[in-house]
Amino acid sequence: MALPSEIQEQVNLGLQLPLMEAFYTVQGEGYHTGTPAYFIRVGGCDVGCHWCDVKESWNADLHPPTSVENIVTEAARFSKTIVVTGGEPLMWDMNPLTQALKNAGMQIHIETSGAYALTGNWDWICLSPKKTKLPVDEVYQKANELKVIVYNKNDFKFAEEQAAKTNPNAILFLQPEWSKRDEMTPQIVDYVMQNPKWRISLQTHKFLNIP
C-alpha cells in the first residue's frame, strides 16, 4: 500500500525511515565484538543473499516509517554507540539520521553491503560485500573493516578479490555463515593461519543466545 505523499516525501529525504527494530545489546561480530551498542535496523534490501538471517527486513513496506527524531530520542536512552544496520541502510539517505545522532553526541557505526552510494557521517564503516550486488568504489575506499561471509570454499577467492579493492587500512575479517559454521570454521582457521592479514569473526551473539 502506497504511503501518503507527505510521508513518502519525508522518507525520500531521510527524515523518516522504515524502522524494522531497534534494541540495545552486545555487538556480536567483527572488530567491535563484545562491546555494548544500540542497534537500529532499517528495513529495505534488494541485495538478496539466499542465506540472509533477516529476510523479514527486505520489504521496506512492512516496516512503519519512523521519524529520525523519535529514533534518536529512543537511542539516547541506552548507549553512546549506535550501529545502523539492515536490510541495507544505504538504500535511504542517512544524512539526517547521522546528523541527529552526532548532535546527541553519539559514536555511529554502519554495517552495509556497500551496494549504494555512501550517505551519512560515520565513525566506523563495516563493509560486508555480497556477490549479487557489489559495493560502489567510495565504500571500498572509506571502509574501516571488511567482513566477508564464507558460505563455501569459493568465498575465499571472493574475499581476496574484495580485499584487493578495499583501502589498505581496512581490517580484514572472514566469518562463517551460521548454517555452515561447523563445515567452514576449520577451513577459515587454516586459511587465516596461512594468510595472516585476515582475522576470524564469529557470530558470538548467537553462541551466547542474545539478540
N, C-alpha and C. Protein backbone atom coordinates (compact mmCIF):
# COMPACT_ATOMS: atom_id res chain seq x y z
N MET A 1 0.85 -1.19 0.00
CA MET A 1 0.00 0.00 0.00
C MET A 1 0.89 1.24 0.00
N ALA A 2 0.54 2.18 -0.87
CA ALA A 2 1.34 3.39 -1.01
C ALA A 2 1.19 4.27 0.23
N LEU A 3 2.30 4.92 0.59
CA LEU A 3 2.28 5.84 1.71
C LEU A 3 1.63 7.15 1.29
N PRO A 4 1.02 7.88 2.22
CA PRO A 4 0.57 9.24 1.91
C PRO A 4 1.73 10.06 1.38
N SER A 5 1.45 10.96 0.46
CA SER A 5 2.51 11.67 -0.25
C SER A 5 3.43 12.44 0.69
N GLU A 6 2.86 13.02 1.76
CA GLU A 6 3.70 13.82 2.65
C GLU A 6 4.67 12.92 3.44
N ILE A 7 4.23 11.71 3.77
CA ILE A 7 5.11 10.77 4.47
C ILE A 7 6.16 10.23 3.51
N GLN A 8 5.75 9.92 2.28
CA GLN A 8 6.68 9.43 1.29
C GLN A 8 7.78 10.44 1.03
N GLU A 9 7.43 11.71 1.01
CA GLU A 9 8.43 12.76 0.81
C GLU A 9 9.43 12.78 1.96
N GLN A 10 8.92 12.61 3.19
CA GLN A 10 9.80 12.57 4.35
C GLN A 10 10.75 11.38 4.27
N VAL A 11 10.25 10.24 3.83
CA VAL A 11 11.09 9.05 3.66
C VAL A 11 12.15 9.30 2.59
N ASN A 12 11.74 9.89 1.49
CA ASN A 12 12.68 10.17 0.40
C ASN A 12 13.81 11.09 0.85
N LEU A 13 13.51 11.97 1.80
CA LEU A 13 14.51 12.92 2.31
C LEU A 13 15.32 12.35 3.47
N GLY A 14 14.96 11.15 3.92
CA GLY A 14 15.65 10.54 5.05
C GLY A 14 15.20 11.07 6.40
N LEU A 15 14.12 11.84 6.43
CA LEU A 15 13.61 12.39 7.69
C LEU A 15 12.76 11.37 8.43
N GLN A 16 12.24 10.39 7.70
CA GLN A 16 11.63 9.22 8.29
C GLN A 16 12.27 7.99 7.64
N LEU A 17 12.36 6.92 8.39
CA LEU A 17 12.98 5.69 7.89
C LEU A 17 12.11 4.50 8.23
N PRO A 18 12.10 3.47 7.36
CA PRO A 18 11.32 2.27 7.65
C PRO A 18 12.02 1.44 8.73
N LEU A 19 11.67 1.70 9.96
CA LEU A 19 12.35 1.09 11.10
C LEU A 19 11.79 -0.31 11.34
N MET A 20 12.64 -1.31 11.19
CA MET A 20 12.23 -2.69 11.48
C MET A 20 12.27 -2.97 12.97
N GLU A 21 13.39 -2.62 13.61
CA GLU A 21 13.54 -2.82 15.04
C GLU A 21 14.72 -1.99 15.53
N ALA A 22 14.76 -1.79 16.84
CA ALA A 22 15.88 -1.12 17.48
C ALA A 22 16.03 -1.73 18.87
N PHE A 23 17.28 -2.00 19.27
CA PHE A 23 17.48 -2.72 20.52
C PHE A 23 18.91 -2.51 21.03
N TYR A 24 19.06 -2.62 22.32
CA TYR A 24 20.34 -2.48 23.00
C TYR A 24 20.89 -3.88 23.28
N THR A 25 22.12 -4.14 22.86
CA THR A 25 22.69 -5.46 23.03
C THR A 25 24.21 -5.36 23.00
N VAL A 26 24.86 -6.49 22.80
CA VAL A 26 26.32 -6.53 22.67
C VAL A 26 26.65 -6.87 21.23
N GLN A 27 27.56 -6.10 20.64
CA GLN A 27 27.99 -6.38 19.27
C GLN A 27 28.58 -7.78 19.20
N GLY A 28 28.07 -8.59 18.27
CA GLY A 28 28.49 -9.98 18.22
C GLY A 28 29.52 -10.30 17.16
N GLU A 29 29.80 -9.37 16.24
CA GLU A 29 30.62 -9.70 15.08
C GLU A 29 31.69 -8.63 14.85
N GLY A 30 32.76 -9.05 14.17
CA GLY A 30 33.73 -8.11 13.65
C GLY A 30 34.59 -7.44 14.71
N TYR A 31 35.11 -6.28 14.36
CA TYR A 31 36.12 -5.60 15.16
C TYR A 31 35.63 -5.24 16.56
N HIS A 32 34.37 -4.85 16.69
CA HIS A 32 33.85 -4.39 17.97
C HIS A 32 33.13 -5.48 18.76
N THR A 33 33.39 -6.73 18.44
CA THR A 33 32.78 -7.84 19.16
C THR A 33 32.93 -7.67 20.67
N GLY A 34 31.82 -7.90 21.37
CA GLY A 34 31.84 -7.87 22.82
C GLY A 34 31.57 -6.53 23.45
N THR A 35 31.35 -5.50 22.64
CA THR A 35 31.09 -4.17 23.18
C THR A 35 29.61 -3.83 23.08
N PRO A 36 29.05 -3.15 24.07
CA PRO A 36 27.63 -2.82 24.03
C PRO A 36 27.33 -1.75 22.98
N ALA A 37 26.17 -1.86 22.37
CA ALA A 37 25.77 -0.89 21.35
C ALA A 37 24.26 -0.95 21.18
N TYR A 38 23.73 0.13 20.69
CA TYR A 38 22.30 0.22 20.36
C TYR A 38 22.17 0.05 18.85
N PHE A 39 21.41 -0.95 18.44
CA PHE A 39 21.26 -1.27 17.02
C PHE A 39 19.97 -0.67 16.47
N ILE A 40 20.10 -0.04 15.33
CA ILE A 40 18.96 0.49 14.58
C ILE A 40 18.90 -0.29 13.27
N ARG A 41 17.88 -1.14 13.14
CA ARG A 41 17.76 -1.97 11.92
C ARG A 41 16.72 -1.34 11.00
N VAL A 42 17.20 -0.89 9.85
CA VAL A 42 16.35 -0.22 8.86
C VAL A 42 15.87 -1.24 7.83
N GLY A 43 14.58 -1.21 7.52
CA GLY A 43 14.02 -2.12 6.54
C GLY A 43 14.36 -1.71 5.12
N GLY A 44 14.31 -2.71 4.23
CA GLY A 44 14.57 -2.49 2.81
C GLY A 44 15.90 -3.05 2.38
N CYS A 45 15.88 -4.01 1.46
CA CYS A 45 17.12 -4.55 0.89
C CYS A 45 16.78 -5.28 -0.39
N ASP A 46 17.57 -5.03 -1.43
CA ASP A 46 17.39 -5.75 -2.70
C ASP A 46 18.65 -6.50 -3.09
N VAL A 47 19.56 -6.71 -2.14
CA VAL A 47 20.80 -7.43 -2.44
C VAL A 47 20.52 -8.93 -2.54
N GLY A 48 19.66 -9.45 -1.68
CA GLY A 48 19.09 -10.78 -1.87
C GLY A 48 20.00 -11.95 -1.57
N CYS A 49 20.72 -11.94 -0.45
CA CYS A 49 21.57 -13.08 -0.08
C CYS A 49 20.68 -14.26 0.33
N HIS A 50 20.88 -15.42 -0.28
CA HIS A 50 20.00 -16.55 -0.02
C HIS A 50 20.12 -17.04 1.42
N TRP A 51 21.26 -16.78 2.08
CA TRP A 51 21.45 -17.22 3.46
C TRP A 51 21.15 -16.14 4.48
N CYS A 52 20.59 -15.02 4.07
CA CYS A 52 20.31 -13.91 4.98
C CYS A 52 19.46 -14.39 6.16
N ASP A 53 19.84 -13.97 7.37
CA ASP A 53 19.09 -14.39 8.55
C ASP A 53 18.06 -13.36 9.00
N VAL A 54 17.89 -12.29 8.22
CA VAL A 54 16.84 -11.31 8.50
C VAL A 54 16.09 -10.97 7.21
N LYS A 55 15.63 -12.00 6.53
CA LYS A 55 14.88 -11.77 5.28
C LYS A 55 13.64 -10.92 5.50
N GLU A 56 13.11 -10.93 6.72
CA GLU A 56 11.95 -10.11 7.02
C GLU A 56 12.24 -8.62 6.91
N SER A 57 13.52 -8.27 6.80
CA SER A 57 13.88 -6.86 6.63
C SER A 57 13.79 -6.41 5.17
N TRP A 58 13.71 -7.34 4.24
CA TRP A 58 13.86 -6.98 2.84
C TRP A 58 12.78 -6.03 2.33
N ASN A 59 11.54 -6.27 2.71
CA ASN A 59 10.43 -5.48 2.19
C ASN A 59 10.20 -4.27 3.10
N ALA A 60 10.63 -3.12 2.64
CA ALA A 60 10.52 -1.90 3.46
C ALA A 60 9.07 -1.56 3.78
N ASP A 61 8.15 -1.97 2.92
CA ASP A 61 6.74 -1.64 3.13
C ASP A 61 6.16 -2.28 4.39
N LEU A 62 6.85 -3.30 4.89
CA LEU A 62 6.36 -3.98 6.10
C LEU A 62 6.75 -3.25 7.38
N HIS A 63 7.59 -2.23 7.24
CA HIS A 63 8.13 -1.57 8.43
C HIS A 63 7.73 -0.09 8.43
N PRO A 64 7.11 0.36 9.50
CA PRO A 64 6.50 1.69 9.50
C PRO A 64 7.52 2.81 9.44
N PRO A 65 7.29 3.80 8.61
CA PRO A 65 8.15 4.98 8.62
C PRO A 65 8.14 5.62 10.00
N THR A 66 9.35 5.85 10.52
CA THR A 66 9.52 6.39 11.86
C THR A 66 10.41 7.62 11.76
N SER A 67 10.04 8.66 12.46
CA SER A 67 10.80 9.90 12.35
C SER A 67 12.19 9.73 12.94
N VAL A 68 13.16 10.38 12.33
CA VAL A 68 14.53 10.38 12.83
C VAL A 68 14.57 10.91 14.26
N GLU A 69 13.77 11.91 14.55
CA GLU A 69 13.72 12.48 15.90
C GLU A 69 13.35 11.41 16.93
N ASN A 70 12.35 10.61 16.63
CA ASN A 70 11.92 9.56 17.56
C ASN A 70 12.98 8.47 17.69
N ILE A 71 13.61 8.12 16.57
CA ILE A 71 14.66 7.10 16.60
C ILE A 71 15.81 7.53 17.50
N VAL A 72 16.22 8.78 17.36
CA VAL A 72 17.36 9.28 18.13
C VAL A 72 16.99 9.44 19.61
N THR A 73 15.80 9.92 19.88
CA THR A 73 15.37 10.07 21.28
C THR A 73 15.41 8.73 22.00
N GLU A 74 14.95 7.69 21.35
CA GLU A 74 14.96 6.36 21.96
C GLU A 74 16.39 5.85 22.11
N ALA A 75 17.21 6.04 21.08
CA ALA A 75 18.60 5.56 21.14
C ALA A 75 19.36 6.19 22.29
N ALA A 76 19.11 7.46 22.55
CA ALA A 76 19.85 8.19 23.58
C ALA A 76 19.59 7.65 24.98
N ARG A 77 18.54 6.87 25.15
CA ARG A 77 18.22 6.28 26.45
C ARG A 77 19.16 5.13 26.80
N PHE A 78 19.87 4.59 25.80
CA PHE A 78 20.57 3.33 26.00
C PHE A 78 22.08 3.40 25.88
N SER A 79 22.59 4.08 24.85
CA SER A 79 24.02 3.93 24.55
C SER A 79 24.54 5.12 23.78
N LYS A 80 25.86 5.34 23.90
CA LYS A 80 26.54 6.35 23.09
C LYS A 80 27.09 5.74 21.80
N THR A 81 27.05 4.41 21.69
CA THR A 81 27.50 3.75 20.47
C THR A 81 26.28 3.20 19.73
N ILE A 82 26.14 3.61 18.49
CA ILE A 82 24.99 3.24 17.68
C ILE A 82 25.48 2.46 16.47
N VAL A 83 24.80 1.36 16.16
CA VAL A 83 25.08 0.59 14.95
C VAL A 83 23.85 0.63 14.07
N VAL A 84 24.00 1.18 12.88
CA VAL A 84 22.91 1.23 11.91
C VAL A 84 23.11 0.06 10.94
N THR A 85 22.09 -0.78 10.83
CA THR A 85 22.19 -1.97 10.01
C THR A 85 20.88 -2.19 9.28
N GLY A 86 20.74 -3.34 8.64
CA GLY A 86 19.52 -3.57 7.87
C GLY A 86 19.16 -5.03 7.78
N GLY A 87 18.50 -5.39 6.66
CA GLY A 87 18.34 -4.58 5.47
C GLY A 87 19.64 -4.00 4.95
N GLU A 88 19.46 -3.08 4.05
CA GLU A 88 20.58 -2.30 3.51
C GLU A 88 20.30 -0.84 3.77
N PRO A 89 20.92 -0.26 4.82
CA PRO A 89 20.58 1.11 5.21
C PRO A 89 20.91 2.16 4.17
N LEU A 90 21.88 1.89 3.30
CA LEU A 90 22.26 2.90 2.32
C LEU A 90 21.27 3.02 1.17
N MET A 91 20.19 2.23 1.20
CA MET A 91 19.10 2.48 0.26
C MET A 91 18.40 3.80 0.57
N TRP A 92 18.64 4.32 1.78
CA TRP A 92 17.99 5.55 2.24
C TRP A 92 19.05 6.61 2.50
N ASP A 93 18.63 7.86 2.49
CA ASP A 93 19.54 8.97 2.80
C ASP A 93 19.81 8.95 4.30
N MET A 94 21.04 8.65 4.67
CA MET A 94 21.41 8.53 6.07
C MET A 94 21.88 9.85 6.69
N ASN A 95 21.93 10.93 5.91
CA ASN A 95 22.43 12.20 6.43
C ASN A 95 21.60 12.75 7.60
N PRO A 96 20.27 12.78 7.50
CA PRO A 96 19.51 13.31 8.64
C PRO A 96 19.69 12.48 9.91
N LEU A 97 19.70 11.16 9.78
CA LEU A 97 19.86 10.31 10.96
C LEU A 97 21.22 10.50 11.61
N THR A 98 22.27 10.46 10.81
CA THR A 98 23.61 10.57 11.41
C THR A 98 23.85 11.97 11.97
N GLN A 99 23.30 12.99 11.33
CA GLN A 99 23.47 14.35 11.88
C GLN A 99 22.78 14.47 13.22
N ALA A 100 21.58 13.91 13.33
CA ALA A 100 20.85 13.98 14.59
C ALA A 100 21.57 13.17 15.68
N LEU A 101 22.11 12.02 15.32
CA LEU A 101 22.85 11.21 16.28
C LEU A 101 24.13 11.92 16.71
N LYS A 102 24.82 12.54 15.76
CA LYS A 102 26.02 13.31 16.10
C LYS A 102 25.69 14.47 17.04
N ASN A 103 24.59 15.14 16.77
CA ASN A 103 24.18 16.26 17.63
C ASN A 103 23.91 15.79 19.05
N ALA A 104 23.53 14.51 19.18
CA ALA A 104 23.28 13.93 20.50
C ALA A 104 24.53 13.32 21.12
N GLY A 105 25.68 13.47 20.45
CA GLY A 105 26.94 13.03 21.00
C GLY A 105 27.25 11.55 20.82
N MET A 106 26.67 10.95 19.79
CA MET A 106 26.82 9.51 19.58
C MET A 106 28.04 9.18 18.71
N GLN A 107 28.59 7.98 18.92
CA GLN A 107 29.52 7.34 18.00
C GLN A 107 28.69 6.45 17.09
N ILE A 108 28.86 6.57 15.79
CA ILE A 108 27.94 5.92 14.86
C ILE A 108 28.67 4.96 13.94
N HIS A 109 28.22 3.72 13.94
CA HIS A 109 28.76 2.68 13.07
C HIS A 109 27.68 2.28 12.06
N ILE A 110 28.12 1.80 10.90
CA ILE A 110 27.19 1.24 9.93
C ILE A 110 27.69 -0.12 9.47
N GLU A 111 26.75 -1.02 9.27
CA GLU A 111 27.03 -2.31 8.64
C GLU A 111 26.30 -2.32 7.30
N THR A 112 27.05 -2.45 6.21
CA THR A 112 26.48 -2.28 4.89
C THR A 112 27.13 -3.21 3.88
N SER A 113 26.35 -3.56 2.86
CA SER A 113 26.91 -4.28 1.72
C SER A 113 27.68 -3.34 0.80
N GLY A 114 27.47 -2.03 0.97
CA GLY A 114 28.15 -1.05 0.14
C GLY A 114 27.59 -0.92 -1.26
N ALA A 115 26.42 -1.51 -1.49
CA ALA A 115 25.87 -1.55 -2.85
C ALA A 115 25.30 -0.20 -3.31
N TYR A 116 25.15 0.72 -2.38
CA TYR A 116 24.59 2.04 -2.71
C TYR A 116 25.56 3.14 -2.30
N ALA A 117 25.36 4.31 -2.87
CA ALA A 117 26.22 5.45 -2.55
C ALA A 117 26.22 5.72 -1.06
N LEU A 118 27.38 6.12 -0.57
CA LEU A 118 27.54 6.36 0.86
C LEU A 118 26.95 7.72 1.23
N THR A 119 26.00 7.68 2.15
CA THR A 119 25.47 8.91 2.74
C THR A 119 25.63 8.79 4.25
N GLY A 120 25.68 9.93 4.92
CA GLY A 120 25.83 9.93 6.36
C GLY A 120 27.26 10.18 6.80
N ASN A 121 27.41 10.51 8.07
CA ASN A 121 28.70 10.81 8.69
C ASN A 121 28.99 9.71 9.70
N TRP A 122 29.97 8.85 9.39
CA TRP A 122 30.18 7.62 10.15
C TRP A 122 31.52 7.61 10.86
N ASP A 123 31.52 7.08 12.08
CA ASP A 123 32.78 6.87 12.81
C ASP A 123 33.40 5.53 12.46
N TRP A 124 32.58 4.58 12.01
CA TRP A 124 33.10 3.25 11.66
C TRP A 124 32.21 2.66 10.58
N ILE A 125 32.85 2.20 9.50
CA ILE A 125 32.12 1.57 8.40
C ILE A 125 32.55 0.12 8.28
N CYS A 126 31.61 -0.78 8.54
CA CYS A 126 31.84 -2.21 8.33
C CYS A 126 31.24 -2.57 6.97
N LEU A 127 32.10 -2.89 6.03
CA LEU A 127 31.68 -3.28 4.68
C LEU A 127 31.62 -4.79 4.60
N SER A 128 30.44 -5.31 4.28
CA SER A 128 30.26 -6.75 4.10
C SER A 128 29.72 -6.99 2.69
N PRO A 129 30.61 -7.09 1.72
CA PRO A 129 30.20 -7.15 0.31
C PRO A 129 29.51 -8.47 -0.04
N LYS A 130 28.62 -8.38 -1.02
CA LYS A 130 27.89 -9.55 -1.48
C LYS A 130 28.06 -9.69 -2.99
N LYS A 131 28.15 -10.93 -3.46
CA LYS A 131 28.39 -11.19 -4.87
C LYS A 131 27.24 -10.70 -5.75
N THR A 132 26.03 -10.71 -5.22
CA THR A 132 24.86 -10.37 -6.03
C THR A 132 24.78 -8.90 -6.39
N LYS A 133 25.44 -8.03 -5.60
CA LYS A 133 25.40 -6.60 -5.87
C LYS A 133 26.63 -5.98 -5.21
N LEU A 134 27.67 -5.78 -5.98
CA LEU A 134 28.97 -5.40 -5.42
C LEU A 134 28.98 -3.95 -4.92
N PRO A 135 29.89 -3.64 -4.01
CA PRO A 135 29.98 -2.28 -3.47
C PRO A 135 30.37 -1.25 -4.52
N VAL A 136 30.00 -0.01 -4.23
CA VAL A 136 30.46 1.12 -5.04
C VAL A 136 31.86 1.51 -4.56
N ASP A 137 32.62 2.16 -5.41
CA ASP A 137 34.03 2.45 -5.13
C ASP A 137 34.23 3.22 -3.84
N GLU A 138 33.38 4.20 -3.57
CA GLU A 138 33.58 5.07 -2.41
C GLU A 138 33.57 4.27 -1.10
N VAL A 139 32.70 3.26 -1.03
CA VAL A 139 32.62 2.49 0.22
C VAL A 139 33.88 1.65 0.41
N TYR A 140 34.41 1.10 -0.67
CA TYR A 140 35.70 0.39 -0.56
C TYR A 140 36.76 1.31 0.03
N GLN A 141 36.79 2.55 -0.44
CA GLN A 141 37.85 3.47 -0.03
C GLN A 141 37.70 3.96 1.40
N LYS A 142 36.49 3.97 1.92
CA LYS A 142 36.25 4.53 3.26
C LYS A 142 36.00 3.47 4.33
N ALA A 143 35.95 2.20 3.96
CA ALA A 143 35.65 1.14 4.92
C ALA A 143 36.75 1.04 5.98
N ASN A 144 36.34 0.93 7.22
CA ASN A 144 37.28 0.66 8.32
C ASN A 144 37.50 -0.84 8.50
N GLU A 145 36.52 -1.59 8.04
CA GLU A 145 36.51 -3.04 8.29
C GLU A 145 35.86 -3.72 7.08
N LEU A 146 36.50 -4.79 6.61
CA LEU A 146 35.93 -5.62 5.55
C LEU A 146 35.57 -6.97 6.17
N LYS A 147 34.29 -7.33 6.10
CA LYS A 147 33.83 -8.59 6.69
C LYS A 147 33.18 -9.43 5.59
N VAL A 148 33.84 -10.52 5.23
CA VAL A 148 33.34 -11.38 4.16
C VAL A 148 32.74 -12.63 4.77
N ILE A 149 31.51 -12.92 4.40
CA ILE A 149 30.82 -14.12 4.89
C ILE A 149 31.23 -15.30 4.03
N VAL A 150 31.65 -16.37 4.69
CA VAL A 150 32.14 -17.56 3.98
C VAL A 150 31.08 -18.67 4.07
N TYR A 151 30.47 -18.93 2.92
CA TYR A 151 29.44 -19.97 2.82
C TYR A 151 30.01 -21.25 2.24
N ASN A 152 30.97 -21.10 1.32
CA ASN A 152 31.65 -22.26 0.74
C ASN A 152 33.07 -21.85 0.36
N LYS A 153 33.85 -22.79 -0.13
CA LYS A 153 35.28 -22.53 -0.37
C LYS A 153 35.51 -21.49 -1.46
N ASN A 154 34.54 -21.28 -2.35
CA ASN A 154 34.69 -20.26 -3.38
C ASN A 154 34.73 -18.85 -2.79
N ASP A 155 34.23 -18.71 -1.58
CA ASP A 155 34.19 -17.38 -0.96
C ASP A 155 35.57 -16.89 -0.53
N PHE A 156 36.53 -17.78 -0.41
CA PHE A 156 37.89 -17.32 -0.12
C PHE A 156 38.45 -16.52 -1.30
N LYS A 157 38.18 -16.97 -2.50
CA LYS A 157 38.61 -16.23 -3.70
C LYS A 157 37.88 -14.88 -3.75
N PHE A 158 36.59 -14.90 -3.48
CA PHE A 158 35.83 -13.65 -3.45
C PHE A 158 36.39 -12.69 -2.41
N ALA A 159 36.75 -13.23 -1.25
CA ALA A 159 37.30 -12.39 -0.18
C ALA A 159 38.58 -11.69 -0.63
N GLU A 160 39.45 -12.42 -1.30
CA GLU A 160 40.69 -11.81 -1.77
C GLU A 160 40.42 -10.75 -2.83
N GLU A 161 39.46 -11.00 -3.70
CA GLU A 161 39.10 -10.01 -4.72
C GLU A 161 38.59 -8.73 -4.05
N GLN A 162 37.80 -8.89 -3.00
CA GLN A 162 37.26 -7.72 -2.31
C GLN A 162 38.35 -6.98 -1.52
N ALA A 163 39.23 -7.73 -0.90
CA ALA A 163 40.32 -7.11 -0.15
C ALA A 163 41.21 -6.28 -1.07
N ALA A 164 41.40 -6.74 -2.30
CA ALA A 164 42.25 -6.02 -3.25
C ALA A 164 41.64 -4.68 -3.65
N LYS A 165 40.31 -4.55 -3.53
CA LYS A 165 39.63 -3.31 -3.88
C LYS A 165 39.49 -2.35 -2.70
N THR A 166 39.69 -2.87 -1.50
CA THR A 166 39.45 -2.10 -0.28
C THR A 166 40.72 -1.36 0.13
N ASN A 167 40.55 -0.22 0.77
CA ASN A 167 41.70 0.59 1.17
C ASN A 167 42.62 -0.22 2.10
N PRO A 168 43.93 0.07 2.08
CA PRO A 168 44.89 -0.76 2.81
C PRO A 168 44.79 -0.68 4.33
N ASN A 169 44.05 0.29 4.86
CA ASN A 169 43.91 0.42 6.31
C ASN A 169 42.75 -0.39 6.87
N ALA A 170 41.91 -0.93 6.01
CA ALA A 170 40.75 -1.69 6.48
C ALA A 170 41.19 -2.99 7.14
N ILE A 171 40.56 -3.33 8.24
CA ILE A 171 40.84 -4.57 8.96
C ILE A 171 40.00 -5.67 8.31
N LEU A 172 40.62 -6.81 8.01
CA LEU A 172 40.00 -7.85 7.19
C LEU A 172 39.51 -9.01 8.05
N PHE A 173 38.25 -9.37 7.86
CA PHE A 173 37.64 -10.47 8.61
C PHE A 173 36.99 -11.48 7.68
N LEU A 174 37.12 -12.75 8.04
CA LEU A 174 36.37 -13.84 7.43
C LEU A 174 35.42 -14.39 8.48
N GLN A 175 34.15 -14.55 8.10
CA GLN A 175 33.14 -15.01 9.06
C GLN A 175 32.34 -16.15 8.47
N PRO A 176 32.28 -17.29 9.14
CA PRO A 176 31.48 -18.39 8.61
C PRO A 176 29.99 -18.06 8.63
N GLU A 177 29.30 -18.39 7.55
CA GLU A 177 27.85 -18.27 7.54
C GLU A 177 27.31 -19.25 8.59
N TRP A 178 26.33 -18.82 9.36
CA TRP A 178 25.94 -19.54 10.57
C TRP A 178 25.58 -21.00 10.30
N SER A 179 24.81 -21.26 9.25
CA SER A 179 24.38 -22.63 8.98
C SER A 179 25.52 -23.51 8.50
N LYS A 180 26.64 -22.89 8.11
CA LYS A 180 27.80 -23.63 7.61
C LYS A 180 28.99 -23.55 8.58
N ARG A 181 28.75 -23.11 9.80
CA ARG A 181 29.86 -22.83 10.71
C ARG A 181 30.67 -24.09 11.03
N ASP A 182 30.01 -25.23 11.19
CA ASP A 182 30.77 -26.45 11.53
C ASP A 182 31.67 -26.88 10.38
N GLU A 183 31.20 -26.67 9.16
CA GLU A 183 31.98 -27.06 7.98
C GLU A 183 33.06 -26.04 7.65
N MET A 184 32.71 -24.75 7.72
CA MET A 184 33.61 -23.72 7.20
C MET A 184 34.58 -23.15 8.24
N THR A 185 34.24 -23.21 9.52
CA THR A 185 35.14 -22.61 10.52
C THR A 185 36.53 -23.24 10.49
N PRO A 186 36.67 -24.57 10.45
CA PRO A 186 38.03 -25.13 10.37
C PRO A 186 38.79 -24.67 9.13
N GLN A 187 38.08 -24.53 8.00
CA GLN A 187 38.73 -24.05 6.78
C GLN A 187 39.17 -22.60 6.94
N ILE A 188 38.34 -21.79 7.62
CA ILE A 188 38.72 -20.40 7.86
C ILE A 188 39.94 -20.32 8.77
N VAL A 189 39.98 -21.14 9.80
CA VAL A 189 41.13 -21.17 10.71
C VAL A 189 42.41 -21.48 9.92
N ASP A 190 42.35 -22.50 9.08
CA ASP A 190 43.51 -22.86 8.27
C ASP A 190 43.90 -21.72 7.34
N TYR A 191 42.90 -21.08 6.73
CA TYR A 191 43.18 -20.01 5.77
C TYR A 191 43.83 -18.82 6.46
N VAL A 192 43.32 -18.44 7.64
CA VAL A 192 43.87 -17.29 8.36
C VAL A 192 45.30 -17.58 8.81
N MET A 193 45.56 -18.80 9.21
CA MET A 193 46.92 -19.15 9.63
C MET A 193 47.91 -19.07 8.46
N GLN A 194 47.42 -19.35 7.26
CA GLN A 194 48.27 -19.25 6.07
C GLN A 194 48.28 -17.84 5.49
N ASN A 195 47.28 -17.04 5.83
CA ASN A 195 47.15 -15.68 5.28
C ASN A 195 46.85 -14.73 6.44
N PRO A 196 47.87 -14.37 7.22
CA PRO A 196 47.65 -13.67 8.49
C PRO A 196 47.18 -12.23 8.38
N LYS A 197 47.00 -11.72 7.18
CA LYS A 197 46.37 -10.39 7.07
C LYS A 197 44.89 -10.46 7.46
N TRP A 198 44.32 -11.68 7.43
CA TRP A 198 42.91 -11.89 7.78
C TRP A 198 42.76 -12.22 9.26
N ARG A 199 41.58 -11.86 9.80
CA ARG A 199 41.18 -12.27 11.14
C ARG A 199 39.88 -13.06 11.04
N ILE A 200 39.55 -13.77 12.11
CA ILE A 200 38.30 -14.54 12.16
C ILE A 200 37.24 -13.74 12.91
N SER A 201 36.06 -13.65 12.32
CA SER A 201 34.89 -13.11 13.00
C SER A 201 33.88 -14.24 13.19
N LEU A 202 33.29 -14.31 14.37
CA LEU A 202 32.24 -15.29 14.65
C LEU A 202 30.99 -14.55 15.11
N GLN A 203 29.84 -15.14 14.87
CA GLN A 203 28.59 -14.55 15.36
C GLN A 203 28.42 -14.93 16.83
N THR A 204 29.21 -14.28 17.67
CA THR A 204 29.25 -14.68 19.08
C THR A 204 27.92 -14.47 19.78
N HIS A 205 27.12 -13.51 19.30
CA HIS A 205 25.81 -13.30 19.93
C HIS A 205 24.90 -14.52 19.78
N LYS A 206 25.09 -15.27 18.69
CA LYS A 206 24.28 -16.49 18.52
C LYS A 206 24.77 -17.60 19.44
N PHE A 207 26.07 -17.70 19.62
CA PHE A 207 26.60 -18.67 20.59
C PHE A 207 26.12 -18.32 22.00
N LEU A 208 26.01 -17.03 22.30
CA LEU A 208 25.61 -16.58 23.63
C LEU A 208 24.10 -16.50 23.79
N ASN A 209 23.37 -16.71 22.68
CA ASN A 209 21.91 -16.67 22.69
C ASN A 209 21.37 -15.31 23.16
N ILE A 210 21.96 -14.25 22.57
CA ILE A 210 21.46 -12.90 22.81
C ILE A 210 21.11 -12.29 21.46
N PRO A 211 20.26 -11.25 21.44
CA PRO A 211 19.84 -10.65 20.16
C PRO A 211 21.01 -10.11 19.35
